[in-house]
Amino acid sequence: MRKIRLGRTGAEVSVVGLGCGGASRLGMARGAGVDHAAGIVRRAIDLGVSLIDTARAYGTEEAVGAGISGRRDDVFLSTKASPGHGERLTTAAELAQAIDESLRSLGTDHIDVYQLHGVTPAQYDHCVAVLLPELKRQQAAGKIRFLGVTEMFGRDTNHEMLARALPDDHFDVVMTGFNLLNPSARTRVFPETIRHDIGTLIMFAVRRALSDPAALGEVVAGLIERGDVGASQVDVADPLGFLRGRAGVASVVEAAYRFCRHEPGAQVVLTGTGDAAHLEANIAAILAPPLAPDLLDKLKGAFGTVASVSGN
């Protein structure tokens, strides 16, 4: 397993991170129990994955706690809590309670990076004025080590929140959406994270449009209709077929992971699954070499300026 320094945290972590949310939630979204999910966590650690990301909202903290039991020193642990729902914003007291509940569920006395989860542009000022001081109090108490923030990429595909947060430089780690259909973090996120030495966790590397050909066709058709992608730049019937047809590239999914892994500024690529064999395949894809320069050029020509889709 390859390691990377996670920005100014100084932590040496695996370039593969186990994401415990998404469509699978370690298999729990499809009916698997805590024991199965904990087994996925243990298998990831066995394969060298040291960064594990969960959240209160995922319902997987208990499973992660069971999976890391006896191996806490082997992992860099991330969890998070929402800054609010709709017009109701989380209070400082509620955030403190959420942190204590996460500590209990995870069976640990500290969280390596605690993130404000899915922050929208409208919530950002509240996060800075009310929640950030509480995070710093919790940090001083030793309950959390580093501070993080994640964007609501499904709705904020052009990184509006992070465009505000990164220059402010309050957070040690950020989670951002980045994939070959929307590589806008390349210009809107990574230059600032590199400048401030902020760690990056990459989400949405592979979502529905990159694992389901029918969904990909719908997404690309929409991009063409809006003028975000030129019809002459892609084969509408098989928009990413040129990747599959290339020697050394086994699938679009593999190519998508390789695309993210080797982007300057992209440090840890998150992958989530409830199946051990699928986990192993995803890890192998993330650890594979960069895509060939001509493939990267073709992707850039077709999708390089897209900022309107998440890939979901």
Protein backbone atom coordinates (compact mmCIF):
# COMPACT_ATOMS: atom_id res chain seq x y z
CA MET A 1 0.00 0.00 0.00
CA ARG A 2 1.35 3.41 -0.93
CA LYS A 3 1.33 6.16 1.68
CA ILE A 4 1.02 9.93 1.41
CA ARG A 5 1.40 12.81 3.82
CA LEU A 6 -2.08 14.19 4.50
CA GLY A 7 -1.27 17.87 4.20
CA ARG A 8 -0.28 19.74 7.32
CA THR A 9 -1.66 17.03 9.60
CA GLY A 10 1.69 15.39 8.96
CA ALA A 11 0.03 11.98 9.13
CA GLU A 12 1.31 9.34 6.70
CA VAL A 13 -1.84 7.61 5.48
CA SER A 14 -2.76 5.19 2.72
CA VAL A 15 -3.61 6.71 -0.67
CA VAL A 16 -6.76 4.56 -0.52
CA GLY A 17 -9.38 5.51 2.04
CA LEU A 18 -12.31 3.34 3.06
CA GLY A 19 -15.49 5.35 2.65
CA CYS A 20 -18.22 4.05 4.93
CA GLY A 21 -21.11 5.99 3.39
CA GLY A 22 -22.24 6.25 -0.21
CA ALA A 23 -24.66 3.82 -1.78
CA SER A 24 -23.28 0.80 0.10
CA ARG A 25 -22.46 1.91 3.64
CA LEU A 26 -20.28 -1.18 4.08
CA GLY A 27 -23.20 -3.26 2.83
CA MET A 28 -25.58 -2.02 5.51
CA ALA A 29 -27.60 -0.02 2.98
CA ARG A 30 -28.45 -3.35 1.35
CA GLY A 31 -29.37 -5.16 4.55
CA ALA A 32 -26.02 -6.40 5.87
CA GLY A 33 -25.51 -6.35 9.62
CA VAL A 34 -22.89 -4.76 11.81
CA ASP A 35 -20.74 -7.91 11.88
CA HIS A 36 -20.50 -8.01 8.08
CA ALA A 37 -19.70 -4.32 7.89
CA ALA A 38 -17.05 -4.64 10.59
CA GLY A 39 -15.51 -7.45 8.56
CA ILE A 40 -15.14 -5.13 5.57
CA VAL A 41 -13.33 -2.65 7.81
CA ARG A 42 -11.00 -5.36 9.09
CA ARG A 43 -10.30 -6.57 5.56
CA ALA A 44 -9.46 -3.03 4.46
CA ILE A 45 -6.96 -2.70 7.30
CA ASP A 46 -5.46 -6.08 6.39
CA LEU A 47 -4.94 -4.75 2.85
CA GLY A 48 -3.09 -1.70 4.15
CA VAL A 49 -5.87 0.87 4.19
CA SER A 50 -5.21 3.18 7.12
CA LEU A 51 -7.65 6.04 6.51
CA ILE A 52 -11.26 5.23 7.38
CA ASP A 53 -14.01 7.79 6.88
CA THR A 54 -17.46 7.49 8.42
CA ALA A 55 -20.14 9.88 9.70
CA ARG A 56 -23.02 10.12 12.13
CA ALA A 57 -25.44 10.20 9.20
CA TYR A 58 -24.16 6.98 7.64
CA GLY A 59 -25.13 4.74 10.53
CA THR A 60 -21.80 2.92 10.25
CA GLU A 61 -19.89 4.28 13.24
CA GLU A 62 -20.70 1.25 15.39
CA ALA A 63 -19.48 -1.10 12.65
CA VAL A 64 -16.30 0.91 12.21
CA GLY A 65 -15.74 0.81 15.97
CA ALA A 66 -16.09 -2.97 15.93
CA GLY A 67 -13.80 -3.26 12.91
CA ILE A 68 -10.99 -1.19 14.41
CA SER A 69 -11.24 -2.74 17.88
CA GLY A 70 -7.75 -3.77 18.92
CA ARG A 71 -6.27 -2.00 15.88
CA ARG A 72 -6.94 1.64 16.67
CA ASP A 73 -3.28 2.59 16.27
CA ASP A 74 -3.33 1.24 12.70
CA VAL A 75 -5.90 3.72 11.43
CA PHE A 76 -6.39 7.43 10.87
CA LEU A 77 -10.04 7.89 11.72
CA SER A 78 -12.41 10.46 10.25
CA THR A 79 -16.01 11.08 11.15
CA LYS A 80 -18.35 14.02 10.80
CA ALA A 81 -21.61 15.70 11.72
CA SER A 82 -23.99 17.87 9.76
CA PRO A 83 -24.07 21.64 10.37
CA GLY A 84 -27.85 21.57 10.05
CA HIS A 85 -30.87 20.34 8.17
CA GLY A 86 -32.94 22.71 6.08
CA GLU A 87 -33.28 26.01 7.89
CA ARG A 88 -32.46 24.48 11.29
CA LEU A 89 -28.77 24.86 12.12
CA THR A 90 -26.78 22.73 14.54
CA THR A 91 -25.89 24.44 17.80
CA ALA A 92 -22.51 24.28 19.49
CA ALA A 93 -24.00 22.15 22.27
CA GLU A 94 -25.47 19.72 19.75
CA LEU A 95 -22.11 19.44 18.00
CA ALA A 96 -20.38 18.68 21.30
CA GLN A 97 -22.97 15.99 22.00
CA ALA A 98 -22.49 14.53 18.51
CA ILE A 99 -18.74 14.28 19.09
CA ASP A 100 -19.25 12.44 22.38
CA GLU A 101 -21.72 10.06 20.74
CA SER A 102 -19.28 9.37 17.91
CA LEU A 103 -16.51 8.63 20.39
CA ARG A 104 -18.74 6.10 22.14
CA SER A 105 -19.89 4.46 18.91
CA LEU A 106 -16.36 4.24 17.57
CA GLY A 107 -14.95 2.93 20.85
CA THR A 108 -12.11 5.45 20.93
CA ASP A 109 -10.96 8.36 23.04
CA HIS A 110 -10.09 10.58 20.09
CA ILE A 111 -10.99 11.20 16.46
CA ASP A 112 -8.12 12.02 14.11
CA VAL A 113 -10.06 14.41 11.88
CA TYR A 114 -13.55 15.62 12.68
CA GLN A 115 -15.36 17.14 9.74
CA LEU A 116 -18.39 19.37 9.30
CA HIS A 117 -20.42 17.26 6.90
CA GLY A 118 -21.87 18.40 3.58
CA VAL A 119 -21.62 22.12 4.26
CA THR A 120 -23.58 24.24 1.80
CA PRO A 121 -22.59 27.79 0.86
CA ALA A 122 -25.52 29.09 2.89
CA GLN A 123 -24.33 27.22 6.01
CA TYR A 124 -20.71 28.28 5.83
CA ASP A 125 -20.98 31.48 7.90
CA HIS A 126 -22.74 29.57 10.70
CA CYS A 127 -19.99 26.95 10.64
CA VAL A 128 -17.31 29.60 11.10
CA ALA A 129 -19.13 31.70 13.70
CA VAL A 130 -20.70 28.96 15.85
CA LEU A 131 -19.32 25.49 15.11
CA LEU A 132 -15.65 26.21 14.48
CA PRO A 133 -15.10 27.63 17.99
CA GLU A 134 -16.70 24.49 19.44
CA LEU A 135 -14.45 22.28 17.31
CA LYS A 136 -11.46 24.16 18.66
CA ARG A 137 -12.69 23.61 22.23
CA GLN A 138 -13.05 19.91 21.53
CA GLN A 139 -9.59 19.91 19.97
CA ALA A 140 -8.12 21.56 23.07
CA ALA A 141 -9.82 18.88 25.18
CA GLY A 142 -8.05 16.16 23.16
CA LYS A 143 -11.20 14.64 21.70
CA ILE A 144 -10.28 15.54 18.11
CA ARG A 145 -6.89 16.12 16.54
CA PHE A 146 -7.58 17.93 13.28
CA LEU A 147 -10.44 19.92 11.79
CA GLY A 148 -12.09 19.22 8.46
CA VAL A 149 -14.98 20.22 6.22
CA THR A 150 -16.75 18.41 3.39
CA GLU A 151 -18.73 19.96 0.58
CA MET A 152 -22.23 19.02 -0.58
CA PHE A 153 -20.90 18.01 -3.99
CA GLY A 154 -24.18 16.60 -5.27
CA ARG A 155 -25.63 20.13 -5.15
CA ASP A 156 -22.48 22.25 -5.10
CA THR A 157 -20.76 20.83 -8.16
CA ASN A 158 -18.69 23.94 -8.79
CA HIS A 159 -17.25 24.03 -5.22
CA GLU A 160 -18.80 27.33 -4.18
CA MET A 161 -18.49 26.55 -0.45
CA LEU A 162 -14.86 25.48 -0.69
CA ALA A 163 -14.05 28.54 -2.78
CA ARG A 164 -14.93 30.52 0.36
CA ALA A 165 -13.50 28.15 2.94
CA LEU A 166 -10.07 27.48 1.47
CA PRO A 167 -8.76 31.06 1.50
CA ASP A 168 -10.01 31.40 5.10
CA ASP A 169 -7.74 28.45 5.99
CA HIS A 170 -9.64 27.26 9.07
CA PHE A 171 -9.51 23.54 8.22
CA ASP A 172 -6.65 21.04 8.08
CA VAL A 173 -8.46 18.60 5.76
CA VAL A 174 -11.19 18.98 3.15
CA MET A 175 -13.28 16.42 1.33
CA THR A 176 -14.05 17.37 -2.26
CA GLY A 177 -15.79 15.81 -5.22
CA PHE A 178 -13.55 15.07 -8.20
CA ASN A 179 -13.94 12.71 -11.13
CA LEU A 180 -13.30 12.44 -14.83
CA LEU A 181 -16.77 13.84 -15.69
CA ASN A 182 -16.32 16.88 -13.44
CA PRO A 183 -12.64 17.67 -12.85
CA SER A 184 -13.33 21.27 -11.78
CA ALA A 185 -11.52 20.76 -8.44
CA ARG A 186 -8.38 20.83 -10.57
CA THR A 187 -8.70 24.60 -10.90
CA ARG A 188 -11.10 25.54 -8.09
CA VAL A 189 -9.87 23.46 -5.14
CA PHE A 190 -6.42 21.93 -5.52
CA PRO A 191 -4.42 25.12 -6.13
CA GLU A 192 -5.62 26.43 -2.76
CA THR A 193 -5.17 23.16 -0.87
CA ILE A 194 -1.63 22.92 -2.20
CA ARG A 195 -0.92 26.56 -1.30
CA HIS A 196 -2.18 26.13 2.28
CA ASP A 197 -0.93 22.52 2.68
CA ILE A 198 -4.46 21.26 3.36
CA GLY A 199 -5.08 17.52 3.21
CA THR A 200 -7.56 16.29 0.60
CA LEU A 201 -9.96 13.37 0.63
CA ILE A 202 -11.49 12.62 -2.77
CA MET A 203 -15.13 11.55 -2.95
CA PHE A 204 -17.31 10.79 -6.00
CA ALA A 205 -14.36 9.22 -7.84
CA VAL A 206 -16.83 6.57 -9.01
CA ARG A 207 -20.57 7.04 -8.70
CA ARG A 208 -23.54 5.80 -10.70
CA ALA A 209 -22.65 7.43 -14.02
CA LEU A 210 -19.22 5.80 -14.03
CA SER A 211 -20.43 2.34 -13.09
CA ASP A 212 -23.71 2.16 -15.05
CA PRO A 213 -23.52 2.71 -18.84
CA ALA A 214 -27.17 3.74 -19.06
CA ALA A 215 -26.69 6.40 -16.38
CA LEU A 216 -23.53 7.61 -18.11
CA GLY A 217 -25.45 8.03 -21.36
CA GLU A 218 -28.10 10.12 -19.61
CA VAL A 219 -25.53 12.34 -17.92
CA VAL A 220 -23.53 12.94 -21.09
CA ALA A 221 -26.67 13.62 -23.11
CA GLY A 222 -27.58 16.28 -20.55
CA LEU A 223 -24.12 17.82 -20.76
CA ILE A 224 -24.38 18.01 -24.54
CA GLU A 225 -27.88 19.50 -24.37
CA ARG A 226 -26.66 22.24 -22.00
CA GLY A 227 -23.63 22.95 -24.15
CA ASP A 228 -21.15 21.81 -21.48
CA VAL A 229 -19.76 19.15 -23.79
CA GLY A 230 -19.53 19.30 -27.57
CA ALA A 231 -21.33 16.50 -29.41
CA SER A 232 -18.32 16.14 -31.71
CA GLN A 233 -16.04 15.45 -28.73
CA VAL A 234 -17.67 12.20 -27.60
CA ASP A 235 -19.32 9.13 -29.02
CA VAL A 236 -22.80 9.69 -27.63
CA ALA A 237 -23.57 5.97 -27.83
CA ASP A 238 -20.47 5.05 -25.81
CA PRO A 239 -18.93 8.22 -24.34
CA LEU A 240 -16.06 6.52 -22.51
CA GLY A 241 -15.59 3.53 -24.79
CA PHE A 242 -12.16 4.80 -25.78
CA LEU A 243 -11.01 4.02 -22.24
CA ARG A 244 -12.26 0.45 -22.24
CA GLY A 245 -10.80 -0.22 -25.63
CA ARG A 246 -7.30 0.68 -24.53
CA ALA A 247 -4.75 -1.99 -23.64
CA GLY A 248 -3.90 -1.80 -19.96
CA VAL A 249 -7.28 -0.36 -18.93
CA ALA A 250 -9.62 -3.06 -17.70
CA SER A 251 -12.75 -0.95 -17.24
CA VAL A 252 -14.17 2.55 -16.98
CA VAL A 253 -14.28 2.14 -13.20
CA GLU A 254 -10.60 1.31 -13.08
CA ALA A 255 -9.79 4.27 -15.32
CA ALA A 256 -11.88 6.57 -13.13
CA TYR A 257 -9.95 5.62 -10.01
CA ARG A 258 -6.60 5.97 -11.77
CA PHE A 259 -7.66 9.39 -13.07
CA CYS A 260 -8.28 10.63 -9.53
CA ARG A 261 -5.33 8.99 -7.83
CA HIS A 262 -2.66 10.66 -9.93
CA GLU A 263 -4.10 14.19 -10.06
CA PRO A 264 -1.75 16.71 -8.40
CA GLY A 265 -3.42 17.81 -5.19
CA ALA A 266 -5.57 14.69 -4.83
CA GLN A 267 -4.19 12.81 -1.85
CA VAL A 268 -6.54 10.08 -0.58
CA VAL A 269 -9.12 8.51 -2.90
CA LEU A 270 -12.14 7.15 -1.03
CA THR A 271 -13.80 3.94 -2.11
CA GLY A 272 -16.79 2.26 -0.52
CA THR A 273 -18.28 -1.22 -0.81
CA GLY A 274 -19.94 -3.98 1.14
CA ASP A 275 -18.10 -6.75 -0.70
CA ALA A 276 -14.54 -7.82 0.09
CA ALA A 277 -13.69 -8.85 -3.49
CA HIS A 278 -15.00 -5.54 -4.79
CA LEU A 279 -12.88 -3.74 -2.20
CA GLU A 280 -9.77 -5.56 -3.40
CA ALA A 281 -10.50 -4.68 -7.04
CA ASN A 282 -11.01 -1.02 -6.19
CA ILE A 283 -7.78 -0.87 -4.21
CA ALA A 284 -5.91 -2.43 -7.12
CA ALA A 285 -7.38 0.19 -9.48
CA ILE A 286 -6.38 3.08 -7.23
CA LEU A 287 -2.85 1.70 -6.94
CA ALA A 288 -2.48 1.20 -10.72
CA PRO A 289 -0.26 3.50 -12.81
CA PRO A 290 -1.46 6.80 -14.29
CA LEU A 291 -3.52 6.79 -17.45
CA ALA A 292 -1.61 7.37 -20.67
CA PRO A 293 -1.12 11.04 -21.62
CA ASP A 294 -3.23 10.75 -24.78
CA LEU A 295 -6.16 9.38 -22.76
CA LEU A 296 -5.85 12.23 -20.29
CA ASP A 297 -5.78 14.69 -23.17
CA LYS A 298 -8.92 13.19 -24.65
CA LEU A 299 -10.71 13.35 -21.30
CA LYS A 300 -9.63 16.94 -20.85
CA GLY A 301 -10.85 17.86 -24.32
CA ALA A 302 -14.27 16.34 -23.68
CA PHE A 303 -14.92 17.04 -20.00
CA GLY A 304 -12.15 19.39 -18.85
CA THR A 305 -14.41 22.40 -18.33
CA VAL A 306 -17.45 20.59 -16.87
CA ALA A 307 -18.57 21.81 -13.44
CA SER A 308 -22.29 21.05 -13.57
CA VAL A 309 -22.59 17.35 -12.67
CA SER A 310 -21.45 15.17 -9.78
CA GLY A 311 -21.39 11.85 -11.61
CA ASN A 312 -24.17 10.47 -9.47
